[in-house]
Amino acid sequence: MITDQPTCLYCERTNNQIPLILMNYQGRQIYICPQHLPILIHKPAQLADKLPGAERFGPPAGHED
């Protein structure tokens, strides 16, 4: 989806469809919706194709599978 509106990094819904959380990463603004924030927190490697370097984040301590 190509749009000038902010969109969720994961599901690509716009801020007209769902609230979005703004993050700054590698000098750019990235948005994620509350529904997909747990993926960023607990399983960031699932975002590797959408967020460069996410595979290196690893889960927080105590959240390993």
PDB file of N, CA and C in Angstrom:
ATOM      1  N   MET A   1       0.849  -1.168   0.000  1.00  0.00           N
ATOM      2  CA  MET A   1       0.000   0.000   0.000  1.00  0.00           C
ATOM      3  C   MET A   1       0.896   1.233   0.000  1.00  0.00           C
ATOM      4  N   ILE A   2       0.722   2.107  -0.951  1.00  0.00           N
ATOM      5  CA  ILE A   2       1.473   3.347  -1.020  1.00  0.00           C
ATOM      6  C   ILE A   2       0.529   4.482  -0.660  1.00  0.00           C
ATOM      7  N   THR A   3       0.890   5.207   0.389  1.00  0.00           N
ATOM      8  CA  THR A   3       0.041   6.296   0.866  1.00  0.00           C
ATOM      9  C   THR A   3       0.898   7.304   1.605  1.00  0.00           C
ATOM     10  N   ASP A   4       0.423   8.540   1.661  1.00  0.00           N
ATOM     11  CA  ASP A   4       1.112   9.564   2.432  1.00  0.00           C
ATOM     12  C   ASP A   4       0.663   9.540   3.889  1.00  0.00           C
ATOM     13  N   GLN A   5      -0.397   8.804   4.163  1.00  0.00           N
ATOM     14  CA  GLN A   5      -0.891   8.699   5.532  1.00  0.00           C
ATOM     15  C   GLN A   5      -0.028   7.727   6.322  1.00  0.00           C
ATOM     16  N   PRO A   6       0.118   7.989   7.619  1.00  0.00           N
ATOM     17  CA  PRO A   6       0.808   7.003   8.455  1.00  0.00           C
ATOM     18  C   PRO A   6       0.070   5.656   8.403  1.00  0.00           C
ATOM     19  N   THR A   7       0.847   4.576   8.333  1.00  0.00           N
ATOM     20  CA  THR A   7       0.264   3.236   8.303  1.00  0.00           C
ATOM     21  C   THR A   7       1.026   2.331   9.266  1.00  0.00           C
ATOM     22  N   CYS A   8       0.339   1.328   9.756  1.00  0.00           N
ATOM     23  CA  CYS A   8       0.963   0.345  10.637  1.00  0.00           C
ATOM     24  C   CYS A   8       2.033  -0.419   9.862  1.00  0.00           C
ATOM     25  N   LEU A   9       3.172  -0.544  10.462  1.00  0.00           N
ATOM     26  CA  LEU A   9       4.295  -1.276   9.901  1.00  0.00           C
ATOM     27  C   LEU A   9       3.901  -2.708   9.530  1.00  0.00           C
ATOM     28  N   TYR A  10       3.043  -3.322  10.326  1.00  0.00           N
ATOM     29  CA  TYR A  10       2.698  -4.729  10.137  1.00  0.00           C
ATOM     30  C   TYR A  10       1.486  -4.942   9.227  1.00  0.00           C
ATOM     31  N   CYS A  11       0.371  -4.315   9.572  1.00  0.00           N
ATOM     32  CA  CYS A  11      -0.873  -4.585   8.839  1.00  0.00           C
ATOM     33  C   CYS A  11      -1.221  -3.530   7.796  1.00  0.00           C
ATOM     34  N   GLU A  12      -0.504  -2.417   7.795  1.00  0.00           N
ATOM     35  CA  GLU A  12      -0.667  -1.344   6.829  1.00  0.00           C
ATOM     36  C   GLU A  12      -2.008  -0.620   6.912  1.00  0.00           C
ATOM     37  N   ARG A  13      -2.712  -0.777   8.035  1.00  0.00           N
ATOM     38  CA  ARG A  13      -3.922   0.027   8.223  1.00  0.00           C
ATOM     39  C   ARG A  13      -3.504   1.456   8.537  1.00  0.00           C
ATOM     40  N   THR A  14      -4.333   2.408   8.126  1.00  0.00           N
ATOM     41  CA  THR A  14      -4.007   3.820   8.319  1.00  0.00           C
ATOM     42  C   THR A  14      -4.513   4.324   9.662  1.00  0.00           C
ATOM     43  N   ASN A  15      -4.096   5.533   9.989  1.00  0.00           N
ATOM     44  CA  ASN A  15      -4.560   6.133  11.240  1.00  0.00           C
ATOM     45  C   ASN A  15      -6.025   6.544  11.150  1.00  0.00           C
ATOM     46  N   ASN A  16      -6.646   6.438   9.990  1.00  0.00           N
ATOM     47  CA  ASN A  16      -8.098   6.614   9.880  1.00  0.00           C
ATOM     48  C   ASN A  16      -8.838   5.338  10.263  1.00  0.00           C
ATOM     49  N   GLN A  17      -8.138   4.217  10.259  1.00  0.00           N
ATOM     50  CA  GLN A  17      -8.755   2.927  10.551  1.00  0.00           C
ATOM     51  C   GLN A  17      -8.493   2.442  11.970  1.00  0.00           C
ATOM     52  N   ILE A  18      -7.335   2.803  12.523  1.00  0.00           N
ATOM     53  CA  ILE A  18      -6.928   2.304  13.837  1.00  0.00           C
ATOM     54  C   ILE A  18      -5.924   3.294  14.438  1.00  0.00           C
ATOM     55  N   PRO A  19      -5.885   3.414  15.760  1.00  0.00           N
ATOM     56  CA  PRO A  19      -4.859   4.280  16.368  1.00  0.00           C
ATOM     57  C   PRO A  19      -3.466   3.724  16.061  1.00  0.00           C
ATOM     58  N   LEU A  20      -2.525   4.620  15.882  1.00  0.00           N
ATOM     59  CA  LEU A  20      -1.152   4.217  15.608  1.00  0.00           C
ATOM     60  C   LEU A  20      -0.197   4.806  16.643  1.00  0.00           C
ATOM     61  N   ILE A  21       0.840   4.063  16.944  1.00  0.00           N
ATOM     62  CA  ILE A  21       1.880   4.496  17.880  1.00  0.00           C
ATOM     63  C   ILE A  21       3.096   4.880  17.048  1.00  0.00           C
ATOM     64  N   LEU A  22       3.606   6.068  17.279  1.00  0.00           N
ATOM     65  CA  LEU A  22       4.769   6.566  16.550  1.00  0.00           C
ATOM     66  C   LEU A  22       6.050   6.143  17.247  1.00  0.00           C
ATOM     67  N   MET A  23       7.005   5.645  16.444  1.00  0.00           N
ATOM     68  CA  MET A  23       8.332   5.291  16.949  1.00  0.00           C
ATOM     69  C   MET A  23       9.359   5.929  16.024  1.00  0.00           C
ATOM     70  N   ASN A  24      10.510   6.216  16.556  1.00  0.00           N
ATOM     71  CA  ASN A  24      11.634   6.672  15.752  1.00  0.00           C
ATOM     72  C   ASN A  24      12.671   5.572  15.741  1.00  0.00           C
ATOM     73  N   TYR A  25      13.113   5.191  14.544  1.00  0.00           N
ATOM     74  CA  TYR A  25      14.086   4.112  14.414  1.00  0.00           C
ATOM     75  C   TYR A  25      14.959   4.390  13.203  1.00  0.00           C
ATOM     76  N   GLN A  26      16.235   4.348  13.388  1.00  0.00           N
ATOM     77  CA  GLN A  26      17.218   4.565  12.336  1.00  0.00           C
ATOM     78  C   GLN A  26      16.948   5.863  11.567  1.00  0.00           C
ATOM     79  N   GLY A  27      16.590   6.897  12.314  1.00  0.00           N
ATOM     80  CA  GLY A  27      16.395   8.210  11.717  1.00  0.00           C
ATOM     81  C   GLY A  27      15.104   8.407  10.955  1.00  0.00           C
ATOM     82  N   ARG A  28      14.159   7.494  11.100  1.00  0.00           N
ATOM     83  CA  ARG A  28      12.872   7.666  10.418  1.00  0.00           C
ATOM     84  C   ARG A  28      11.723   7.365  11.365  1.00  0.00           C
ATOM     85  N   GLN A  29      10.568   7.877  11.006  1.00  0.00           N
ATOM     86  CA  GLN A  29       9.373   7.640  11.811  1.00  0.00           C
ATOM     87  C   GLN A  29       8.676   6.384  11.318  1.00  0.00           C
ATOM     88  N   ILE A  30       8.311   5.529  12.268  1.00  0.00           N
ATOM     89  CA  ILE A  30       7.641   4.267  11.973  1.00  0.00           C
ATOM     90  C   ILE A  30       6.419   4.200  12.864  1.00  0.00           C
ATOM     91  N   TYR A  31       5.349   3.643  12.341  1.00  0.00           N
ATOM     92  CA  TYR A  31       4.105   3.513  13.098  1.00  0.00           C
ATOM     93  C   TYR A  31       3.751   2.048  13.238  1.00  0.00           C
ATOM     94  N   ILE A  32       3.128   1.725  14.378  1.00  0.00           N
ATOM     95  CA  ILE A  32       2.601   0.382  14.589  1.00  0.00           C
ATOM     96  C   ILE A  32       1.296   0.525  15.359  1.00  0.00           C
ATOM     97  N   CYS A  33       0.334  -0.328  15.071  1.00  0.00           N
ATOM     98  CA  CYS A  33      -0.944  -0.259  15.773  1.00  0.00           C
ATOM     99  C   CYS A  33      -0.846  -1.038  17.085  1.00  0.00           C
ATOM    100  N   PRO A  34      -1.707  -0.744  18.040  1.00  0.00           N
ATOM    101  CA  PRO A  34      -1.665  -1.449  19.330  1.00  0.00           C
ATOM    102  C   PRO A  34      -1.835  -2.966  19.195  1.00  0.00           C
ATOM    103  N   GLN A  35      -2.562  -3.405  18.185  1.00  0.00           N
ATOM    104  CA  GLN A  35      -2.770  -4.835  17.984  1.00  0.00           C
ATOM    105  C   GLN A  35      -1.456  -5.555  17.654  1.00  0.00           C
ATOM    106  N   HIS A  36      -0.554  -4.877  16.965  1.00  0.00           N
ATOM    107  CA  HIS A  36       0.689  -5.519  16.547  1.00  0.00           C
ATOM    108  C   HIS A  36       1.904  -5.109  17.375  1.00  0.00           C
ATOM    109  N   LEU A  37       1.737  -4.230  18.333  1.00  0.00           N
ATOM    110  CA  LEU A  37       2.827  -3.860  19.237  1.00  0.00           C
ATOM    111  C   LEU A  37       3.385  -5.081  19.985  1.00  0.00           C
ATOM    112  N   PRO A  38       2.553  -6.039  20.418  1.00  0.00           N
ATOM    113  CA  PRO A  38       3.113  -7.231  21.086  1.00  0.00           C
ATOM    114  C   PRO A  38       4.089  -8.010  20.205  1.00  0.00           C
ATOM    115  N   ILE A  39       3.907  -7.986  18.900  1.00  0.00           N
ATOM    116  CA  ILE A  39       4.861  -8.657  18.011  1.00  0.00           C
ATOM    117  C   ILE A  39       6.216  -7.972  18.118  1.00  0.00           C
ATOM    118  N   LEU A  40       6.216  -6.657  18.108  1.00  0.00           N
ATOM    119  CA  LEU A  40       7.464  -5.913  18.239  1.00  0.00           C
ATOM    120  C   LEU A  40       8.131  -6.198  19.579  1.00  0.00           C
ATOM    121  N   ILE A  41       7.346  -6.333  20.617  1.00  0.00           N
ATOM    122  CA  ILE A  41       7.896  -6.547  21.956  1.00  0.00           C
ATOM    123  C   ILE A  41       8.360  -7.988  22.157  1.00  0.00           C
ATOM    124  N   HIS A  42       7.533  -8.968  21.782  1.00  0.00           N
ATOM    125  CA  HIS A  42       7.792 -10.362  22.127  1.00  0.00           C
ATOM    126  C   HIS A  42       8.430 -11.196  21.021  1.00  0.00           C
ATOM    127  N   LYS A  43       8.180 -10.841  19.763  1.00  0.00           N
ATOM    128  CA  LYS A  43       8.705 -11.629  18.643  1.00  0.00           C
ATOM    129  C   LYS A  43       9.160 -10.705  17.512  1.00  0.00           C
ATOM    130  N   PRO A  44      10.103  -9.822  17.792  1.00  0.00           N
ATOM    131  CA  PRO A  44      10.503  -8.826  16.803  1.00  0.00           C
ATOM    132  C   PRO A  44      11.069  -9.420  15.515  1.00  0.00           C
ATOM    133  N   ALA A  45      11.607 -10.619  15.559  1.00  0.00           N
ATOM    134  CA  ALA A  45      12.143 -11.234  14.345  1.00  0.00           C
ATOM    135  C   ALA A  45      11.069 -11.398  13.279  1.00  0.00           C
ATOM    136  N   GLN A  46       9.794 -11.463  13.676  1.00  0.00           N
ATOM    137  CA  GLN A  46       8.703 -11.568  12.710  1.00  0.00           C
ATOM    138  C   GLN A  46       8.568 -10.303  11.875  1.00  0.00           C
ATOM    139  N   LEU A  47       9.199  -9.224  12.300  1.00  0.00           N
ATOM    140  CA  LEU A  47       9.138  -7.962  11.565  1.00  0.00           C
ATOM    141  C   LEU A  47      10.372  -7.737  10.695  1.00  0.00           C
ATOM    142  N   ALA A  48      11.264  -8.711  10.614  1.00  0.00           N
ATOM    143  CA  ALA A  48      12.538  -8.532   9.921  1.00  0.00           C
ATOM    144  C   ALA A  48      12.360  -8.084   8.474  1.00  0.00           C
ATOM    145  N   ASP A  49      11.320  -8.546   7.797  1.00  0.00           N
ATOM    146  CA  ASP A  49      11.117  -8.140   6.409  1.00  0.00           C
ATOM    147  C   ASP A  49      10.533  -6.737   6.285  1.00  0.00           C
ATOM    148  N   LYS A  50      10.050  -6.167   7.378  1.00  0.00           N
ATOM    149  CA  LYS A  50       9.440  -4.844   7.362  1.00  0.00           C
ATOM    150  C   LYS A  50      10.236  -3.805   8.142  1.00  0.00           C
ATOM    151  N   LEU A  51      11.116  -4.277   9.030  1.00  0.00           N
ATOM    152  CA  LEU A  51      11.877  -3.393   9.894  1.00  0.00           C
ATOM    153  C   LEU A  51      13.333  -3.861   9.914  1.00  0.00           C
ATOM    154  N   PRO A  52      14.197  -3.201   9.158  1.00  0.00           N
ATOM    155  CA  PRO A  52      15.587  -3.650   9.067  1.00  0.00           C
ATOM    156  C   PRO A  52      16.240  -3.788  10.446  1.00  0.00           C
ATOM    157  N   GLY A  53      16.858  -4.921  10.678  1.00  0.00           N
ATOM    158  CA  GLY A  53      17.555  -5.164  11.929  1.00  0.00           C
ATOM    159  C   GLY A  53      16.700  -5.749  13.033  1.00  0.00           C
ATOM    160  N   ALA A  54      15.411  -5.923  12.814  1.00  0.00           N
ATOM    161  CA  ALA A  54      14.514  -6.430  13.857  1.00  0.00           C
ATOM    162  C   ALA A  54      14.907  -7.827  14.316  1.00  0.00           C
ATOM    163  N   GLU A  55      15.521  -8.601  13.446  1.00  0.00           N
ATOM    164  CA  GLU A  55      15.913  -9.957  13.828  1.00  0.00           C
ATOM    165  C   GLU A  55      16.981  -9.941  14.917  1.00  0.00           C
ATOM    166  N   ARG A  56      17.677  -8.828  15.079  1.00  0.00           N
ATOM    167  CA  ARG A  56      18.714  -8.722  16.116  1.00  0.00           C
ATOM    168  C   ARG A  56      18.152  -8.289  17.469  1.00  0.00           C
ATOM    169  N   PHE A  57      16.923  -7.815  17.520  1.00  0.00           N
ATOM    170  CA  PHE A  57      16.372  -7.317  18.770  1.00  0.00           C
ATOM    171  C   PHE A  57      16.263  -8.408  19.822  1.00  0.00           C
ATOM    172  N   GLY A  58      15.754  -9.560  19.443  1.00  0.00           N
ATOM    173  CA  GLY A  58      15.556 -10.656  20.386  1.00  0.00           C
ATOM    174  C   GLY A  58      14.457 -10.314  21.379  1.00  0.00           C
ATOM    175  N   PRO A  59      13.866 -11.322  22.000  1.00  0.00           N
ATOM    176  CA  PRO A  59      12.821 -11.079  22.994  1.00  0.00           C
ATOM    177  C   PRO A  59      13.404 -10.521  24.276  1.00  0.00           C
ATOM    178  N   PRO A  60      12.605  -9.792  25.048  1.00  0.00           N
ATOM    179  CA  PRO A  60      13.093  -9.301  26.328  1.00  0.00           C
ATOM    180  C   PRO A  60      13.358 -10.467  27.287  1.00  0.00           C
ATOM    181  N   ALA A  61      14.157 -10.232  28.289  1.00  0.00           N
ATOM    182  CA  ALA A  61      14.493 -11.279  29.262  1.00  0.00           C
ATOM    183  C   ALA A  61      13.229 -11.877  29.866  1.00  0.00           C
ATOM    184  N   GLY A  62      13.180 -13.183  29.938  1.00  0.00           N
ATOM    185  CA  GLY A  62      12.032 -13.862  30.492  1.00  0.00           C
ATOM    186  C   GLY A  62      10.927 -14.139  29.491  1.00  0.00           C
ATOM    187  N   HIS A  63      11.128 -13.758  28.222  1.00  0.00           N
ATOM    188  CA  HIS A  63      10.105 -13.947  27.195  1.00  0.00           C
ATOM    189  C   HIS A  63      10.566 -14.896  26.100  1.00  0.00           C
ATOM    190  N   GLU A  64      11.608 -15.653  26.340  1.00  0.00           N
ATOM    191  CA  GLU A  64      12.099 -16.567  25.337  1.00  0.00           C
ATOM    192  C   GLU A  64      11.112 -17.706  25.151  1.00  0.00           C
ATOM    193  N   ASP A  65      11.045 -18.235  23.921  1.00  0.00           N
ATOM    194  CA  ASP A  65      10.154 -19.381  23.632  1.00  0.00           C
ATOM    195  C   ASP A  65      10.789 -20.666  24.046  1.00  0.00           C
TER     196      ASP A  65
END
